[in-house]
Amino acid sequence: MSTKIKLTIPCDEANHVCDKTQYKEASLWEMIKLNIHLIYCRACRKYTKNNTSLTNKLKESQVACLDKDCKEAMKKDFDKALIEHK
């Protein structure tokens, strides 16, 4: 049984860890492996940069979300319209 520590990760895993990092769900070890990956992978650096930029823009946008009652009313109206359409 090998106890070798794996420091490199593939791009798809790096992108997943990048997403988790944005929502503060990544572990310290995942972030370390991501940063090592970003040293040598230009595509993932670009993905991370774009992901960070998008997150910052959404935070700045001050978008107001619908409350639960409005969402439920819209769902009922949609279901009703769907039944009428059939």
PDB file of N, CA and C in Angstrom:
ATOM      1  N   MET A   1       0.844  -1.181   0.000  1.00  0.00           N
ATOM      2  CA  MET A   1       0.000   0.000   0.000  1.00  0.00           C
ATOM      3  C   MET A   1       0.889   1.245   0.000  1.00  0.00           C
ATOM      4  N   SER A   2       0.649   2.131  -0.922  1.00  0.00           N
ATOM      5  CA  SER A   2       1.464   3.330  -1.056  1.00  0.00           C
ATOM      6  C   SER A   2       0.836   4.490  -0.293  1.00  0.00           C
ATOM      7  N   THR A   3       1.681   5.245   0.384  1.00  0.00           N
ATOM      8  CA  THR A   3       1.206   6.434   1.104  1.00  0.00           C
ATOM      9  C   THR A   3       1.705   7.698   0.414  1.00  0.00           C
ATOM     10  N   LYS A   4       1.892   7.601  -0.888  1.00  0.00           N
ATOM     11  CA  LYS A   4       2.385   8.720  -1.676  1.00  0.00           C
ATOM     12  C   LYS A   4       1.338   9.843  -1.713  1.00  0.00           C
ATOM     13  N   ILE A   5       1.783  11.064  -1.479  1.00  0.00           N
ATOM     14  CA  ILE A   5       0.893  12.229  -1.490  1.00  0.00           C
ATOM     15  C   ILE A   5       0.781  12.735  -2.926  1.00  0.00           C
ATOM     16  N   LYS A   6      -0.446  12.885  -3.379  1.00  0.00           N
ATOM     17  CA  LYS A   6      -0.699  13.352  -4.743  1.00  0.00           C
ATOM     18  C   LYS A   6      -0.945  14.857  -4.731  1.00  0.00           C
ATOM     19  N   LEU A   7      -0.042  15.603  -5.358  1.00  0.00           N
ATOM     20  CA  LEU A   7      -0.144  17.058  -5.380  1.00  0.00           C
ATOM     21  C   LEU A   7      -0.776  17.605  -6.653  1.00  0.00           C
ATOM     22  N   THR A   8      -0.797  16.798  -7.700  1.00  0.00           N
ATOM     23  CA  THR A   8      -1.353  17.283  -8.957  1.00  0.00           C
ATOM     24  C   THR A   8      -2.790  16.777  -9.118  1.00  0.00           C
ATOM     25  N   ILE A   9      -3.602  17.601  -9.751  1.00  0.00           N
ATOM     26  CA  ILE A   9      -4.993  17.241 -10.006  1.00  0.00           C
ATOM     27  C   ILE A   9      -5.311  17.557 -11.462  1.00  0.00           C
ATOM     28  N   PRO A  10      -6.259  16.837 -12.059  1.00  0.00           N
ATOM     29  CA  PRO A  10      -6.643  17.146 -13.444  1.00  0.00           C
ATOM     30  C   PRO A  10      -7.467  18.436 -13.513  1.00  0.00           C
ATOM     31  N   CYS A  11      -7.626  18.951 -14.701  1.00  0.00           N
ATOM     32  CA  CYS A  11      -8.315  20.233 -14.892  1.00  0.00           C
ATOM     33  C   CYS A  11      -9.763  20.209 -14.417  1.00  0.00           C
ATOM     34  N   ASP A  12     -10.483  19.112 -14.673  1.00  0.00           N
ATOM     35  CA  ASP A  12     -11.882  19.085 -14.259  1.00  0.00           C
ATOM     36  C   ASP A  12     -12.014  19.148 -12.744  1.00  0.00           C
ATOM     37  N   GLU A  13     -11.107  18.503 -12.035  1.00  0.00           N
ATOM     38  CA  GLU A  13     -11.121  18.583 -10.571  1.00  0.00           C
ATOM     39  C   GLU A  13     -10.707  19.978 -10.106  1.00  0.00           C
ATOM     40  N   ALA A  14      -9.753  20.584 -10.795  1.00  0.00           N
ATOM     41  CA  ALA A  14      -9.323  21.945 -10.445  1.00  0.00           C
ATOM     42  C   ALA A  14     -10.479  22.931 -10.603  1.00  0.00           C
ATOM     43  N   ASN A  15     -11.248  22.782 -11.669  1.00  0.00           N
ATOM     44  CA  ASN A  15     -12.397  23.666 -11.875  1.00  0.00           C
ATOM     45  C   ASN A  15     -13.445  23.465 -10.789  1.00  0.00           C
ATOM     46  N   HIS A  16     -13.644  22.216 -10.388  1.00  0.00           N
ATOM     47  CA  HIS A  16     -14.604  21.929  -9.317  1.00  0.00           C
ATOM     48  C   HIS A  16     -14.142  22.556  -7.997  1.00  0.00           C
ATOM     49  N   VAL A  17     -12.865  22.427  -7.694  1.00  0.00           N
ATOM     50  CA  VAL A  17     -12.319  23.021  -6.463  1.00  0.00           C
ATOM     51  C   VAL A  17     -12.401  24.540  -6.537  1.00  0.00           C
ATOM     52  N   CYS A  18     -12.179  25.108  -7.716  1.00  0.00           N
ATOM     53  CA  CYS A  18     -12.307  26.554  -7.893  1.00  0.00           C
ATOM     54  C   CYS A  18     -13.722  27.001  -7.543  1.00  0.00           C
ATOM     55  N   ASP A  19     -14.711  26.261  -8.039  1.00  0.00           N
ATOM     56  CA  ASP A  19     -16.108  26.580  -7.724  1.00  0.00           C
ATOM     57  C   ASP A  19     -16.371  26.463  -6.226  1.00  0.00           C
ATOM     58  N   LYS A  20     -15.850  25.401  -5.607  1.00  0.00           N
ATOM     59  CA  LYS A  20     -16.041  25.219  -4.169  1.00  0.00           C
ATOM     60  C   LYS A  20     -15.379  26.344  -3.382  1.00  0.00           C
ATOM     61  N   THR A  21     -14.230  26.810  -3.854  1.00  0.00           N
ATOM     62  CA  THR A  21     -13.512  27.891  -3.179  1.00  0.00           C
ATOM     63  C   THR A  21     -14.328  29.176  -3.202  1.00  0.00           C
ATOM     64  N   GLN A  22     -15.018  29.428  -4.305  1.00  0.00           N
ATOM     65  CA  GLN A  22     -15.834  30.638  -4.428  1.00  0.00           C
ATOM     66  C   GLN A  22     -16.915  30.691  -3.354  1.00  0.00           C
ATOM     67  N   TYR A  23     -17.417  29.506  -2.968  1.00  0.00           N
ATOM     68  CA  TYR A  23     -18.474  29.433  -1.962  1.00  0.00           C
ATOM     69  C   TYR A  23     -17.953  29.038  -0.583  1.00  0.00           C
ATOM     70  N   LYS A  24     -16.622  29.107  -0.434  1.00  0.00           N
ATOM     71  CA  LYS A  24     -15.952  28.809   0.836  1.00  0.00           C
ATOM     72  C   LYS A  24     -16.275  27.401   1.336  1.00  0.00           C
ATOM     73  N   GLU A  25     -16.304  26.440   0.410  1.00  0.00           N
ATOM     74  CA  GLU A  25     -16.575  25.053   0.744  1.00  0.00           C
ATOM     75  C   GLU A  25     -15.354  24.153   0.551  1.00  0.00           C
ATOM     76  N   ALA A  26     -14.267  24.690   0.027  1.00  0.00           N
ATOM     77  CA  ALA A  26     -13.077  23.892  -0.242  1.00  0.00           C
ATOM     78  C   ALA A  26     -12.217  23.776   1.017  1.00  0.00           C
ATOM     79  N   SER A  27     -11.617  22.610   1.170  1.00  0.00           N
ATOM     80  CA  SER A  27     -10.720  22.405   2.305  1.00  0.00           C
ATOM     81  C   SER A  27      -9.365  23.051   2.016  1.00  0.00           C
ATOM     82  N   LEU A  28      -8.559  23.187   3.042  1.00  0.00           N
ATOM     83  CA  LEU A  28      -7.221  23.764   2.884  1.00  0.00           C
ATOM     84  C   LEU A  28      -6.399  22.934   1.904  1.00  0.00           C
ATOM     85  N   TRP A  29      -6.473  21.607   2.016  1.00  0.00           N
ATOM     86  CA  TRP A  29      -5.702  20.725   1.146  1.00  0.00           C
ATOM     87  C   TRP A  29      -6.152  20.874  -0.313  1.00  0.00           C
ATOM     88  N   GLU A  30      -7.455  21.017  -0.552  1.00  0.00           N
ATOM     89  CA  GLU A  30      -7.956  21.225  -1.910  1.00  0.00           C
ATOM     90  C   GLU A  30      -7.438  22.545  -2.479  1.00  0.00           C
ATOM     91  N   MET A  31      -7.429  23.588  -1.657  1.00  0.00           N
ATOM     92  CA  MET A  31      -6.939  24.887  -2.131  1.00  0.00           C
ATOM     93  C   MET A  31      -5.451  24.844  -2.437  1.00  0.00           C
ATOM     94  N   ILE A  32      -4.686  24.100  -1.645  1.00  0.00           N
ATOM     95  CA  ILE A  32      -3.252  23.958  -1.915  1.00  0.00           C
ATOM     96  C   ILE A  32      -3.044  23.268  -3.256  1.00  0.00           C
ATOM     97  N   LYS A  33      -3.757  22.157  -3.483  1.00  0.00           N
ATOM     98  CA  LYS A  33      -3.627  21.436  -4.755  1.00  0.00           C
ATOM     99  C   LYS A  33      -4.087  22.301  -5.924  1.00  0.00           C
ATOM    100  N   LEU A  34      -5.140  23.098  -5.729  1.00  0.00           N
ATOM    101  CA  LEU A  34      -5.601  23.999  -6.785  1.00  0.00           C
ATOM    102  C   LEU A  34      -4.517  25.011  -7.133  1.00  0.00           C
ATOM    103  N   ASN A  35      -3.912  25.615  -6.126  1.00  0.00           N
ATOM    104  CA  ASN A  35      -2.878  26.621  -6.383  1.00  0.00           C
ATOM    105  C   ASN A  35      -1.666  26.018  -7.082  1.00  0.00           C
ATOM    106  N   ILE A  36      -1.310  24.790  -6.744  1.00  0.00           N
ATOM    107  CA  ILE A  36      -0.215  24.118  -7.449  1.00  0.00           C
ATOM    108  C   ILE A  36      -0.605  23.904  -8.906  1.00  0.00           C
ATOM    109  N   HIS A  37      -1.846  23.482  -9.135  1.00  0.00           N
ATOM    110  CA  HIS A  37      -2.324  23.263 -10.503  1.00  0.00           C
ATOM    111  C   HIS A  37      -2.313  24.576 -11.299  1.00  0.00           C
ATOM    112  N   LEU A  38      -2.706  25.662 -10.654  1.00  0.00           N
ATOM    113  CA  LEU A  38      -2.778  26.945 -11.351  1.00  0.00           C
ATOM    114  C   LEU A  38      -1.401  27.464 -11.765  1.00  0.00           C
ATOM    115  N   ILE A  39      -0.350  26.990 -11.103  1.00  0.00           N
ATOM    116  CA  ILE A  39       1.006  27.412 -11.462  1.00  0.00           C
ATOM    117  C   ILE A  39       1.342  26.999 -12.891  1.00  0.00           C
ATOM    118  N   TYR A  40       0.904  25.808 -13.296  1.00  0.00           N
ATOM    119  CA  TYR A  40       1.297  25.305 -14.610  1.00  0.00           C
ATOM    120  C   TYR A  40       0.162  25.220 -15.629  1.00  0.00           C
ATOM    121  N   CYS A  41      -1.073  25.555 -15.262  1.00  0.00           N
ATOM    122  CA  CYS A  41      -2.187  25.409 -16.205  1.00  0.00           C
ATOM    123  C   CYS A  41      -2.807  26.769 -16.534  1.00  0.00           C
ATOM    124  N   ARG A  42      -2.527  27.250 -17.709  1.00  0.00           N
ATOM    125  CA  ARG A  42      -3.022  28.558 -18.147  1.00  0.00           C
ATOM    126  C   ARG A  42      -4.545  28.564 -18.289  1.00  0.00           C
ATOM    127  N   ALA A  43      -5.114  27.476 -18.801  1.00  0.00           N
ATOM    128  CA  ALA A  43      -6.564  27.413 -19.013  1.00  0.00           C
ATOM    129  C   ALA A  43      -7.317  27.510 -17.689  1.00  0.00           C
ATOM    130  N   CYS A  44      -6.827  26.825 -16.668  1.00  0.00           N
ATOM    131  CA  CYS A  44      -7.496  26.868 -15.366  1.00  0.00           C
ATOM    132  C   CYS A  44      -7.288  28.218 -14.671  1.00  0.00           C
ATOM    133  N   ARG A  45      -6.150  28.848 -14.921  1.00  0.00           N
ATOM    134  CA  ARG A  45      -5.949  30.209 -14.392  1.00  0.00           C
ATOM    135  C   ARG A  45      -6.986  31.146 -14.981  1.00  0.00           C
ATOM    136  N   LYS A  46      -7.234  31.010 -16.290  1.00  0.00           N
ATOM    137  CA  LYS A  46      -8.234  31.850 -16.951  1.00  0.00           C
ATOM    138  C   LYS A  46      -9.634  31.543 -16.408  1.00  0.00           C
ATOM    139  N   TYR A  47      -9.942  30.258 -16.210  1.00  0.00           N
ATOM    140  CA  TYR A  47     -11.242  29.863 -15.653  1.00  0.00           C
ATOM    141  C   TYR A  47     -11.422  30.477 -14.265  1.00  0.00           C
ATOM    142  N   THR A  48     -10.393  30.388 -13.439  1.00  0.00           N
ATOM    143  CA  THR A  48     -10.451  30.923 -12.083  1.00  0.00           C
ATOM    144  C   THR A  48     -10.629  32.436 -12.101  1.00  0.00           C
ATOM    145  N   LYS A  49      -9.910  33.104 -12.987  1.00  0.00           N
ATOM    146  CA  LYS A  49     -10.021  34.562 -13.100  1.00  0.00           C
ATOM    147  C   LYS A  49     -11.436  34.962 -13.518  1.00  0.00           C
ATOM    148  N   ASN A  50     -11.977  34.277 -14.521  1.00  0.00           N
ATOM    149  CA  ASN A  50     -13.330  34.583 -14.985  1.00  0.00           C
ATOM    150  C   ASN A  50     -14.372  34.271 -13.909  1.00  0.00           C
ATOM    151  N   ASN A  51     -14.187  33.181 -13.199  1.00  0.00           N
ATOM    152  CA  ASN A  51     -15.116  32.784 -12.147  1.00  0.00           C
ATOM    153  C   ASN A  51     -15.114  33.820 -11.019  1.00  0.00           C
ATOM    154  N   THR A  52     -13.944  34.277 -10.637  1.00  0.00           N
ATOM    155  CA  THR A  52     -13.819  35.293  -9.597  1.00  0.00           C
ATOM    156  C   THR A  52     -14.455  36.603 -10.047  1.00  0.00           C
ATOM    157  N   SER A  53     -14.214  36.984 -11.293  1.00  0.00           N
ATOM    158  CA  SER A  53     -14.791  38.213 -11.829  1.00  0.00           C
ATOM    159  C   SER A  53     -16.317  38.146 -11.834  1.00  0.00           C
ATOM    160  N   LEU A  54     -16.865  37.025 -12.254  1.00  0.00           N
ATOM    161  CA  LEU A  54     -18.315  36.848 -12.286  1.00  0.00           C
ATOM    162  C   LEU A  54     -18.907  36.936 -10.883  1.00  0.00           C
ATOM    163  N   THR A  55     -18.272  36.293  -9.931  1.00  0.00           N
ATOM    164  CA  THR A  55     -18.747  36.333  -8.544  1.00  0.00           C
ATOM    165  C   THR A  55     -18.735  37.758  -8.010  1.00  0.00           C
ATOM    166  N   ASN A  56     -17.671  38.493  -8.283  1.00  0.00           N
ATOM    167  CA  ASN A  56     -17.585  39.885  -7.821  1.00  0.00           C
ATOM    168  C   ASN A  56     -18.662  40.752  -8.461  1.00  0.00           C
ATOM    169  N   LYS A  57     -18.911  40.558  -9.742  1.00  0.00           N
ATOM    170  CA  LYS A  57     -19.952  41.339 -10.434  1.00  0.00           C
ATOM    171  C   LYS A  57     -21.329  41.048  -9.851  1.00  0.00           C
ATOM    172  N   LEU A  58     -21.590  39.788  -9.532  1.00  0.00           N
ATOM    173  CA  LEU A  58     -22.883  39.437  -8.935  1.00  0.00           C
ATOM    174  C   LEU A  58     -23.048  40.061  -7.553  1.00  0.00           C
ATOM    175  N   LYS A  59     -21.977  40.097  -6.787  1.00  0.00           N
ATOM    176  CA  LYS A  59     -22.042  40.719  -5.459  1.00  0.00           C
ATOM    177  C   LYS A  59     -22.298  42.224  -5.571  1.00  0.00           C
ATOM    178  N   GLU A  60     -21.696  42.856  -6.571  1.00  0.00           N
ATOM    179  CA  GLU A  60     -21.853  44.295  -6.778  1.00  0.00           C
ATOM    180  C   GLU A  60     -23.224  44.663  -7.347  1.00  0.00           C
ATOM    181  N   SER A  61     -23.892  43.727  -7.990  1.00  0.00           N
ATOM    182  CA  SER A  61     -25.104  44.036  -8.744  1.00  0.00           C
ATOM    183  C   SER A  61     -26.309  44.392  -7.884  1.00  0.00           C
ATOM    184  N   GLN A  62     -26.330  43.977  -6.648  1.00  0.00           N
ATOM    185  CA  GLN A  62     -27.437  44.237  -5.728  1.00  0.00           C
ATOM    186  C   GLN A  62     -28.762  43.761  -6.326  1.00  0.00           C
ATOM    187  N   VAL A  63     -28.747  42.560  -6.858  1.00  0.00           N
ATOM    188  CA  VAL A  63     -29.936  41.955  -7.448  1.00  0.00           C
ATOM    189  C   VAL A  63     -30.890  41.556  -6.325  1.00  0.00           C
ATOM    190  N   ALA A  64     -32.160  41.931  -6.482  1.00  0.00           N
ATOM    191  CA  ALA A  64     -33.170  41.560  -5.495  1.00  0.00           C
ATOM    192  C   ALA A  64     -33.849  40.269  -5.962  1.00  0.00           C
ATOM    193  N   CYS A  65     -33.917  39.292  -5.084  1.00  0.00           N
ATOM    194  CA  CYS A  65     -34.536  38.013  -5.407  1.00  0.00           C
ATOM    195  C   CYS A  65     -35.988  38.000  -4.943  1.00  0.00           C
ATOM    196  N   LEU A  66     -36.776  37.168  -5.595  1.00  0.00           N
ATOM    197  CA  LEU A  66     -38.170  37.024  -5.205  1.00  0.00           C
ATOM    198  C   LEU A  66     -38.280  36.287  -3.877  1.00  0.00           C
ATOM    199  N   ASP A  67     -39.266  36.660  -3.080  1.00  0.00           N
ATOM    200  CA  ASP A  67     -39.474  35.933  -1.839  1.00  0.00           C
ATOM    201  C   ASP A  67     -40.224  34.628  -2.140  1.00  0.00           C
ATOM    202  N   LYS A  68     -40.324  33.778  -1.158  1.00  0.00           N
ATOM    203  CA  LYS A  68     -40.893  32.445  -1.327  1.00  0.00           C
ATOM    204  C   LYS A  68     -42.356  32.511  -1.790  1.00  0.00           C
ATOM    205  N   ASP A  69     -43.137  33.432  -1.263  1.00  0.00           N
ATOM    206  CA  ASP A  69     -44.547  33.544  -1.636  1.00  0.00           C
ATOM    207  C   ASP A  69     -44.715  33.897  -3.113  1.00  0.00           C
ATOM    208  N   CYS A  70     -43.899  34.817  -3.605  1.00  0.00           N
ATOM    209  CA  CYS A  70     -43.959  35.195  -5.022  1.00  0.00           C
ATOM    210  C   CYS A  70     -43.587  34.018  -5.920  1.00  0.00           C
ATOM    211  N   LYS A  71     -42.573  33.275  -5.519  1.00  0.00           N
ATOM    212  CA  LYS A  71     -42.159  32.115  -6.305  1.00  0.00           C
ATOM    213  C   LYS A  71     -43.277  31.075  -6.370  1.00  0.00           C
ATOM    214  N   GLU A  72     -43.914  30.820  -5.243  1.00  0.00           N
ATOM    215  CA  GLU A  72     -45.014  29.850  -5.206  1.00  0.00           C
ATOM    216  C   GLU A  72     -46.185  30.305  -6.078  1.00  0.00           C
ATOM    217  N   ALA A  73     -46.512  31.603  -6.023  1.00  0.00           N
ATOM    218  CA  ALA A  73     -47.598  32.133  -6.843  1.00  0.00           C
ATOM    219  C   ALA A  73     -47.266  31.996  -8.331  1.00  0.00           C
ATOM    220  N   MET A  74     -46.025  32.279  -8.703  1.00  0.00           N
ATOM    221  CA  MET A  74     -45.609  32.133 -10.094  1.00  0.00           C
ATOM    222  C   MET A  74     -45.695  30.681 -10.537  1.00  0.00           C
ATOM    223  N   LYS A  75     -45.298  29.768  -9.663  1.00  0.00           N
ATOM    224  CA  LYS A  75     -45.347  28.339  -9.983  1.00  0.00           C
ATOM    225  C   LYS A  75     -46.793  27.898 -10.201  1.00  0.00           C
ATOM    226  N   LYS A  76     -47.704  28.346  -9.350  1.00  0.00           N
ATOM    227  CA  LYS A  76     -49.112  27.986  -9.503  1.00  0.00           C
ATOM    228  C   LYS A  76     -49.676  28.538 -10.809  1.00  0.00           C
ATOM    229  N   ASP A  77     -49.339  29.789 -11.130  1.00  0.00           N
ATOM    230  CA  ASP A  77     -49.794  30.394 -12.380  1.00  0.00           C
ATOM    231  C   ASP A  77     -49.239  29.638 -13.590  1.00  0.00           C
ATOM    232  N   PHE A  78     -47.986  29.255 -13.508  1.00  0.00           N
ATOM    233  CA  PHE A  78     -47.365  28.515 -14.602  1.00  0.00           C
ATOM    234  C   PHE A  78     -48.031  27.158 -14.780  1.00  0.00           C
ATOM    235  N   ASP A  79     -48.230  26.441 -13.674  1.00  0.00           N
ATOM    236  CA  ASP A  79     -48.880  25.132 -13.747  1.00  0.00           C
ATOM    237  C   ASP A  79     -50.291  25.244 -14.323  1.00  0.00           C
ATOM    238  N   LYS A  80     -51.006  26.280 -13.914  1.00  0.00           N
ATOM    239  CA  LYS A  80     -52.368  26.509 -14.414  1.00  0.00           C
ATOM    240  C   LYS A  80     -52.347  26.770 -15.931  1.00  0.00           C
ATOM    241  N   ALA A  81     -51.435  27.625 -16.364  1.00  0.00           N
ATOM    242  CA  ALA A  81     -51.307  27.949 -17.790  1.00  0.00           C
ATOM    243  C   ALA A  81     -50.899  26.712 -18.591  1.00  0.00           C
ATOM    244  N   LEU A  82     -50.053  25.889 -18.015  1.00  0.00           N
ATOM    245  CA  LEU A  82     -49.604  24.671 -18.684  1.00  0.00           C
ATOM    246  C   LEU A  82     -50.765  23.707 -18.882  1.00  0.00           C
ATOM    247  N   ILE A  83     -51.615  23.580 -17.875  1.00  0.00           N
ATOM    248  CA  ILE A  83     -52.785  22.703 -17.974  1.00  0.00           C
ATOM    249  C   ILE A  83     -53.766  23.239 -19.018  1.00  0.00           C
ATOM    250  N   GLU A  84     -53.975  24.552 -19.017  1.00  0.00           N
ATOM    251  CA  GLU A  84     -54.886  25.155 -19.991  1.00  0.00           C
ATOM    252  C   GLU A  84     -54.389  25.001 -21.414  1.00  0.00           C
ATOM    253  N   HIS A  85     -53.079  25.002 -21.580  1.00  0.00           N
ATOM    254  CA  HIS A  85     -52.471  24.902 -22.911  1.00  0.00           C
ATOM    255  C   HIS A  85     -52.649  23.501 -23.495  1.00  0.00           C
ATOM    256  N   LYS A  86     -52.692  22.492 -22.652  1.00  0.00           N
ATOM    257  CA  LYS A  86     -52.841  21.112 -23.116  1.00  0.00           C
ATOM    258  C   LYS A  86     -54.203  20.870 -23.577  1.00  0.00           C
TER     259      LYS A  86
END
